[in-house]
Protein backbone atom coordinates (compact mmCIF):
# COMPACT_ATOMS: atom_id res chain seq x y z
CA MET A 1 0.00 0.00 0.00
CA ALA A 2 3.01 2.22 0.45
CA LYS A 3 3.84 4.58 -2.34
CA LYS A 4 7.11 3.84 -4.09
CA ARG A 5 9.68 6.58 -4.41
CA ARG A 6 10.03 7.75 -7.97
CA PRO A 7 13.44 8.69 -9.37
CA GLN A 8 14.29 12.34 -8.92
CA PRO A 9 15.63 14.47 -11.79
CA GLN A 10 19.06 15.99 -11.42
CA ALA A 11 19.12 19.71 -10.64
CA ALA A 12 19.77 22.11 -13.48
CA ALA A 13 22.51 24.71 -13.16
CA ALA A 14 21.30 27.93 -11.56
CA THR A 15 21.97 31.45 -12.75
CA ARG A 16 24.23 32.92 -10.04
CA ARG A 17 24.96 36.37 -8.68
CA LYS A 18 28.50 37.32 -7.80
CA ASP A 19 27.92 36.24 -4.20
CA GLY A 20 27.09 32.72 -5.36
CA ALA A 21 23.35 32.83 -4.77
CA ALA A 22 20.93 32.11 -7.58
CA ALA A 23 19.65 35.21 -9.33
CA GLU A 24 16.16 36.13 -8.18
CA GLY A 25 13.52 35.02 -10.67
CA ASN A 26 15.86 32.66 -12.56
CA TYR A 27 15.56 29.52 -10.45
CA PRO A 28 15.67 26.37 -12.58
CA VAL A 29 13.23 23.49 -12.13
CA VAL A 30 14.78 20.86 -9.87
CA GLY A 31 13.54 17.82 -7.98
CA ALA A 32 11.28 18.55 -5.03
CA ARG A 33 13.69 16.90 -2.58
CA GLU A 34 16.84 18.48 -4.00
CA PRO A 35 18.54 21.56 -2.49
CA CYS A 36 16.90 24.80 -3.61
CA PRO A 37 19.03 26.63 -6.22
CA CYS A 38 18.68 29.87 -4.25
CA GLY A 39 21.31 28.61 -1.83
CA SER A 40 19.12 28.62 1.28
CA GLY A 41 20.10 25.06 2.16
CA ARG A 42 16.46 23.96 2.25
CA ARG A 43 14.83 21.48 -0.08
CA TYR A 44 13.30 23.03 -3.19
CA LYS A 45 9.74 21.99 -2.26
CA ALA A 46 10.07 23.82 1.10
CA CYS A 47 11.63 26.93 -0.41
CA HIS A 48 11.09 28.46 -3.86
CA GLY A 49 9.30 25.34 -5.05
CA ARG A 50 6.42 26.27 -2.75
CA SER A 51 5.63 29.43 -4.69
CA ALA A 52 6.65 27.97 -8.04
CA ALA A 53 4.06 25.24 -7.64
CA HIS A 54 1.38 27.89 -7.95
CA ALA A 55 3.17 30.39 -10.17
CA ALA A 56 1.66 29.12 -13.42
CA THR A 57 -1.57 27.52 -12.20
CA GLU A 58 -3.66 26.93 -9.12
CA LEU A 59 -3.64 23.40 -7.74
CA VAL A 60 -5.76 21.07 -9.87
CA GLN A 61 -7.10 18.22 -7.76
CA ARG A 62 -8.00 15.98 -10.73
CA PRO A 63 -5.44 16.73 -13.45
CA PHE A 64 -6.51 13.80 -15.64
CA GLU A 65 -10.25 14.46 -15.46
CA GLY A 66 -11.79 14.36 -18.92
CA LEU A 67 -9.10 12.11 -20.40
CA ALA A 68 -10.00 8.63 -21.58
CA GLY A 69 -8.87 6.17 -18.90
CA GLU A 70 -8.51 8.70 -16.06
CA CYS A 71 -8.23 5.90 -13.50
CA ASP A 72 -5.42 4.23 -15.44
CA TRP A 73 -3.59 7.57 -15.77
CA VAL A 74 -3.64 7.87 -11.98
CA ALA A 75 -2.51 4.26 -11.57
CA LEU A 76 0.42 4.71 -13.94
CA ARG A 77 1.40 7.91 -12.14
CA GLU A 78 1.27 6.46 -8.60
CA LEU A 79 1.14 2.65 -8.57
CA VAL A 80 2.77 0.98 -11.57
CA PRO A 81 6.57 0.79 -11.88
CA ALA A 82 6.93 -0.07 -15.57
CA ALA A 83 4.23 0.58 -18.16
CA THR A 84 3.65 2.32 -21.46
CA ALA A 85 0.63 3.54 -23.43
CA GLU A 86 0.39 4.87 -26.95
CA LEU A 87 -0.99 8.41 -27.17
CA LYS A 88 -2.98 9.79 -30.08
CA LEU A 89 -2.77 13.52 -30.73
CA ALA A 90 -5.87 15.51 -31.58
CA GLY A 91 -4.33 16.94 -34.73
CA GLY A 92 -2.41 13.84 -35.75
CA LEU A 93 1.33 13.27 -35.54
CA PRO A 94 3.69 15.97 -36.85
CA ASP A 95 6.03 15.11 -39.70
CA GLY A 96 9.01 13.15 -38.47
CA VAL A 97 7.27 11.86 -35.32
CA PRO A 98 6.22 8.24 -35.93
CA SER A 99 4.68 7.75 -32.47
CA VAL A 100 4.10 9.25 -29.04
CA THR A 101 4.29 6.91 -26.06
CA LEU A 102 3.54 7.61 -22.41
CA ALA A 103 5.97 5.86 -20.05
CA THR A 104 5.78 5.57 -16.29
CA VAL A 105 9.40 6.59 -15.94
CA LEU A 106 12.34 7.23 -18.26
CA PRO A 107 16.12 6.81 -17.78
CA MET A 108 17.66 9.47 -15.52
CA ALA A 109 14.08 10.56 -14.72
CA TRP A 110 14.01 12.56 -17.95
CA PRO A 111 10.66 14.30 -18.45
CA ALA A 112 10.66 13.21 -22.10
CA LEU A 113 12.89 11.69 -24.74
CA ARG A 114 13.02 11.98 -28.53
CA ARG A 115 14.48 8.81 -30.00
CA ASP A 116 16.87 8.78 -32.94
CA ASN A 117 13.99 7.77 -35.21
CA GLY A 118 11.91 10.77 -34.05
CA ALA A 119 9.56 8.83 -31.76
CA VAL A 120 8.61 10.62 -28.52
CA LEU A 121 8.49 9.09 -25.04
CA LEU A 122 6.76 11.16 -22.34
CA GLY A 123 7.60 10.38 -18.70
CA LEU A 124 4.76 10.45 -16.19
CA GLN A 125 6.38 9.91 -12.78
CA ASN A 126 8.39 13.12 -12.52
CA ASP A 127 8.28 16.12 -10.22
CA THR A 128 6.48 18.97 -11.93
CA ALA A 129 6.70 22.74 -11.80
CA SER A 130 3.12 23.92 -11.36
CA GLY A 131 -0.09 22.97 -9.61
CA ASP A 132 -1.53 21.41 -12.77
CA LEU A 133 0.14 18.13 -13.72
CA SER A 134 -1.81 18.01 -16.97
CA ARG A 135 -0.46 21.39 -18.08
CA ASP A 136 3.09 20.41 -17.10
CA LEU A 137 2.92 17.21 -19.12
CA ALA A 138 1.40 19.01 -22.10
CA ASP A 139 4.22 21.56 -22.04
CA THR A 140 6.83 18.79 -21.96
CA LEU A 141 5.07 16.95 -24.77
CA ARG A 142 4.98 20.01 -27.02
CA ARG A 143 8.69 20.62 -26.51
CA ALA A 144 9.47 16.94 -27.13
CA LEU A 145 7.66 17.01 -30.48
CA THR A 146 10.14 19.61 -31.76
CA ALA A 147 13.27 18.41 -29.92
CA GLU A 148 16.26 17.18 -31.86
CA PRO A 149 16.05 13.41 -32.50
CA GLY A 150 18.25 11.47 -30.11
CA SER A 151 17.96 13.94 -27.22
CA PRO A 152 16.23 14.09 -23.82
CA VAL A 153 13.87 16.94 -22.93
CA ALA A 154 14.58 18.95 -19.78
CA ALA A 155 11.98 20.01 -17.23
CA GLY A 156 10.37 23.43 -17.64
CA ARG A 157 7.57 25.65 -16.40
CA PRO A 158 4.43 25.93 -18.51
CA ALA A 159 2.79 29.21 -19.38
CA ALA A 160 -0.27 29.97 -17.26
CA ASP A 161 -2.42 29.91 -20.38
CA GLY A 162 -0.64 26.96 -22.00
CA PRO A 163 -2.54 23.90 -23.23
CA ARG A 164 -3.31 20.86 -21.10
CA LEU A 165 -3.25 17.20 -22.10
CA GLN A 166 -7.00 17.46 -22.63
CA ASP A 167 -6.27 20.00 -25.39
CA LEU A 168 -3.54 17.97 -27.12
CA LEU A 169 -4.79 14.38 -27.01
CA ASP A 170 -7.48 12.83 -29.20
CA PRO A 171 -10.57 12.63 -26.94
CA ASP A 172 -11.94 9.65 -28.88
CA ALA A 173 -8.81 7.50 -28.65
CA ALA A 174 -8.79 4.65 -26.14
CA PHE A 175 -6.14 4.61 -23.41
CA GLU A 176 -4.69 1.09 -23.17
CA PRO A 177 -1.71 0.74 -20.82
CA ILE A 178 0.71 -2.14 -21.25
CA VAL A 179 2.38 -3.23 -18.00
CA HIS A 180 5.94 -4.48 -18.43
CA THR A 181 8.00 -6.75 -16.21
CA GLY A 182 10.99 -4.44 -16.64
CA PHE A 183 12.28 -1.31 -18.34
CA GLU A 184 13.42 -2.75 -21.65
CA PHE A 185 11.17 -0.20 -23.36
CA TRP A 186 13.81 2.39 -22.46
CA VAL A 187 16.07 1.26 -25.29
CA GLU A 188 15.56 -0.07 -28.77
CA ASN A 189 16.70 -3.67 -29.32
CA ALA A 190 17.05 -4.16 -25.56
CA GLU A 191 17.66 -7.87 -26.06
CA ASN A 192 21.02 -6.99 -27.63
CA ALA A 193 22.07 -4.54 -24.89
CA THR A 194 25.54 -5.02 -23.45
CA GLY A 195 27.88 -3.33 -21.00
CA GLU A 196 26.60 -0.46 -18.87
CA VAL A 197 23.26 -0.33 -20.68
CA ALA A 198 22.56 -3.96 -19.84
CA ALA A 199 23.76 -3.44 -16.26
CA SER A 200 21.51 -0.38 -15.83
CA LEU A 201 18.49 -2.28 -17.08
CA GLU A 202 19.27 -5.15 -14.73
CA ARG A 203 19.46 -2.80 -11.73
CA ALA A 204 16.23 -1.01 -12.65
CA ASN A 205 14.38 -4.26 -13.28
CA ALA A 206 15.47 -5.67 -9.92
CA ALA A 207 13.83 -2.73 -8.12
CA ALA A 208 10.49 -3.00 -9.95
CA VAL A 209 7.59 -4.45 -7.95
CA PRO A 210 5.87 -7.19 -10.01
CA THR A 211 2.58 -5.64 -11.14
CA ALA A 212 -0.25 -6.65 -13.48
CA ARG A 213 -3.31 -4.92 -14.84
CA ILE A 214 -6.62 -6.70 -14.26
CA PRO A 215 -8.25 -7.06 -17.71
CA GLY A 216 -11.63 -5.41 -18.14
CA LEU A 217 -11.42 -3.40 -14.90
CA GLU A 218 -10.23 0.16 -15.44
CA GLY A 219 -7.73 1.25 -12.80
CA ALA A 220 -7.39 -2.18 -11.11
CA TYR A 221 -3.83 -3.41 -10.56
CA TRP A 222 -2.44 -6.45 -8.74
CA CYS A 223 1.02 -6.30 -7.23
CA GLU A 224 3.26 -8.82 -5.51
CA ALA A 225 4.73 -8.08 -2.08
CA PRO A 226 7.12 -10.17 0.06
CA GLU A 227 4.53 -11.35 2.61
CA LYS A 228 1.19 -10.69 0.89
CA ASN A 229 -0.05 -9.47 -2.43
CA HIS A 230 -2.37 -6.51 -3.02
CA LEU A 231 -5.10 -5.33 -5.32
CA ARG A 232 -5.23 -1.54 -5.67
CA TRP A 233 -8.19 -0.23 -7.61
CA VAL A 234 -8.39 3.41 -8.73
CA THR A 235 -12.09 4.27 -8.86
CA PRO A 236 -13.92 7.15 -10.60
CA TYR A 237 -16.73 7.55 -8.07
CA PRO A 238 -17.31 10.56 -5.79
CA GLU A 239 -15.53 9.94 -2.51
CA GLU A 240 -18.51 10.21 -0.13
CA GLN A 241 -20.68 7.98 -2.30
CA LEU A 242 -17.91 5.40 -2.65
CA LEU A 243 -17.17 5.28 1.08
CA ASP A 244 -20.86 4.76 1.82
CA ALA A 245 -20.97 1.89 -0.67
CA LEU A 246 -17.81 0.28 0.69
CA ALA A 247 -19.20 0.60 4.22
CA ARG A 248 -22.43 -1.18 3.20
CA LEU A 249 -20.45 -4.04 1.68
CA HIS A 250 -18.05 -4.24 4.62
CA ALA A 251 -20.90 -4.39 7.13
CA ALA A 252 -22.58 -7.09 5.05
CA GLY A 253 -19.39 -9.15 4.93
CA THR A 254 -19.13 -8.88 1.14
CA ALA A 255 -16.22 -6.46 0.76
CA ALA A 256 -13.56 -9.19 0.49
CA LEU A 257 -12.37 -10.88 -2.70
CA GLY A 258 -12.39 -14.44 -1.42
CA GLU A 259 -10.87 -16.51 1.35
CA ASP A 260 -8.02 -14.86 3.28
CA THR A 261 -8.54 -11.54 1.46
CA ARG A 262 -9.40 -8.29 3.20
CA LEU A 263 -10.31 -4.70 2.30
CA VAL A 264 -7.72 -2.88 4.39
CA GLY A 265 -8.45 0.73 3.53
CA SER A 266 -7.98 3.26 0.77
CA PHE A 267 -5.98 6.30 -0.26
CA ARG A 268 -6.60 9.37 -2.37
CA ALA A 269 -4.55 10.13 -5.46
CA HIS A 270 -5.17 13.00 -7.88
CA GLY A 271 -8.73 13.46 -6.69
CA LEU A 272 -9.73 9.78 -6.88
CA VAL A 273 -10.14 7.14 -4.17
CA VAL A 274 -8.14 3.91 -4.37
CA PRO A 275 -9.41 0.98 -2.26
CA VAL A 276 -6.73 -1.58 -1.32
CA TRP A 277 -7.11 -5.28 -0.54
CA ASP A 278 -4.63 -7.65 1.09
CA LEU A 279 -4.37 -10.93 -0.80
CA PRO A 280 -2.68 -14.23 0.06
CA SER A 281 0.84 -14.51 -1.35
CA GLY A 282 -0.31 -17.39 -3.55
CA MET A 283 -3.11 -15.36 -5.17
CA GLY A 284 -1.90 -14.02 -8.49
CA ALA A 285 -3.40 -11.57 -10.94
CA ASP A 286 -5.25 -14.30 -12.84
CA GLU A 287 -6.81 -15.67 -9.64
CA VAL A 288 -8.05 -12.28 -8.43
CA ALA A 289 -9.60 -11.21 -11.75
CA ALA A 290 -12.93 -13.04 -11.37
CA PRO A 291 -13.46 -12.14 -7.67
CA ALA A 292 -12.64 -8.52 -8.47
CA ALA A 293 -15.16 -8.45 -11.31
CA ALA A 294 -17.80 -9.93 -8.99
CA PHE A 295 -16.97 -7.31 -6.39
CA GLY A 296 -17.42 -4.64 -9.05
CA GLU A 297 -20.99 -5.85 -9.58
CA ARG A 298 -21.70 -5.75 -5.83
CA LEU A 299 -20.19 -2.28 -5.63
CA ALA A 300 -22.41 -1.02 -8.46
CA LYS A 301 -25.50 -2.14 -6.56
CA ALA A 302 -24.26 -0.56 -3.34
CA LEU A 303 -23.53 2.71 -5.15
CA ALA A 304 -27.10 2.78 -6.40
CA THR A 305 -28.48 2.52 -2.86
CA ASP A 306 -29.40 5.83 -1.22
CA ALA A 307 -30.90 4.56 2.03
CA PRO A 308 -29.37 6.03 5.21
CA LEU A 309 -26.48 4.01 6.66
CA THR A 310 -27.30 1.72 9.55
CA ALA A 311 -25.37 1.98 12.81
CA GLU A 312 -23.17 -0.95 11.79
CA GLU A 313 -22.54 0.60 8.39
CA ARG A 314 -21.62 3.92 10.00
CA ARG A 315 -19.07 2.14 12.18
CA ALA A 316 -17.66 0.41 9.11
CA ARG A 317 -17.45 3.74 7.31
CA GLY A 318 -15.64 5.31 10.25
CA GLY A 319 -13.09 2.52 10.16
CA LEU A 320 -12.50 2.99 6.44
CA THR A 321 -12.16 6.75 6.83
CA ASN A 322 -9.66 6.39 9.67
CA ARG A 323 -7.45 4.21 7.48
CA GLN A 324 -7.48 6.59 4.51
CA ILE A 325 -4.40 8.53 3.45
CA THR A 326 -3.67 11.01 0.68
CA LEU A 327 -0.80 10.52 -1.76
CA SER A 328 -1.29 13.55 -4.00
């Protein structure tokens, strides 16, 4: 249930005054946990990053709202180590760009990468500069489309009136993530990689938590843990309505996904609620698919119920609320 740490981008060089401090107003975009370029000694997120986060936009609670597959966008941002998804642009691909691919993370935590053949990879799990993740990603994508082939794209700050992903992506195109067992998608012809490239892939792959998408259930992802496995399901429902429904099922003894499984709580991520179940270590993604689908049917019925909660259901709801945390 714990959130994995995503790789942090390396700090860009700051513009300095003669006394060594960064020139006011010229602070580069750096990782949230890195030292602030102003020279204060504090982390960027606790110093100039605090104001920079709102310099271009106010905080957007649901940055992926309106995109096809919003729940899967959130899952790839917060839950899935290695995955890709093809993106379709509203106006079609520019000349010289054969494809645009969303990736959970890229080498060196690059925000984006333009391959030698012109293809664009857009990284999702990076620190961003404003309060609107969608606008940040759109800005990076636009710069990647015109970057020199064979080069990474640095972080930047979007204009306050710049486009968002909702403006750039084809609204009618399906969003179909592919979960990978490792990061071979980083390089072309990864099977022939040697030397440091092969060693880097091996290190990255060893740190990836085995994860699988549950077919037919948007936002539902199984993952393997040392002592028990988990199902984490990003849901699109309003929080209060969802918690009421989960409480009804919990009080009725129908919130589990089978023997030795348990709904242990939930967390919030990008404006959506993500229920989490503990699963036995021997229960894989294939085994949990049918019970999860059956739970989805029970949940739909509970969501459609508007009767007041019983005393037992209120107690169950209180327990669920007390175990809820917020990731982003």
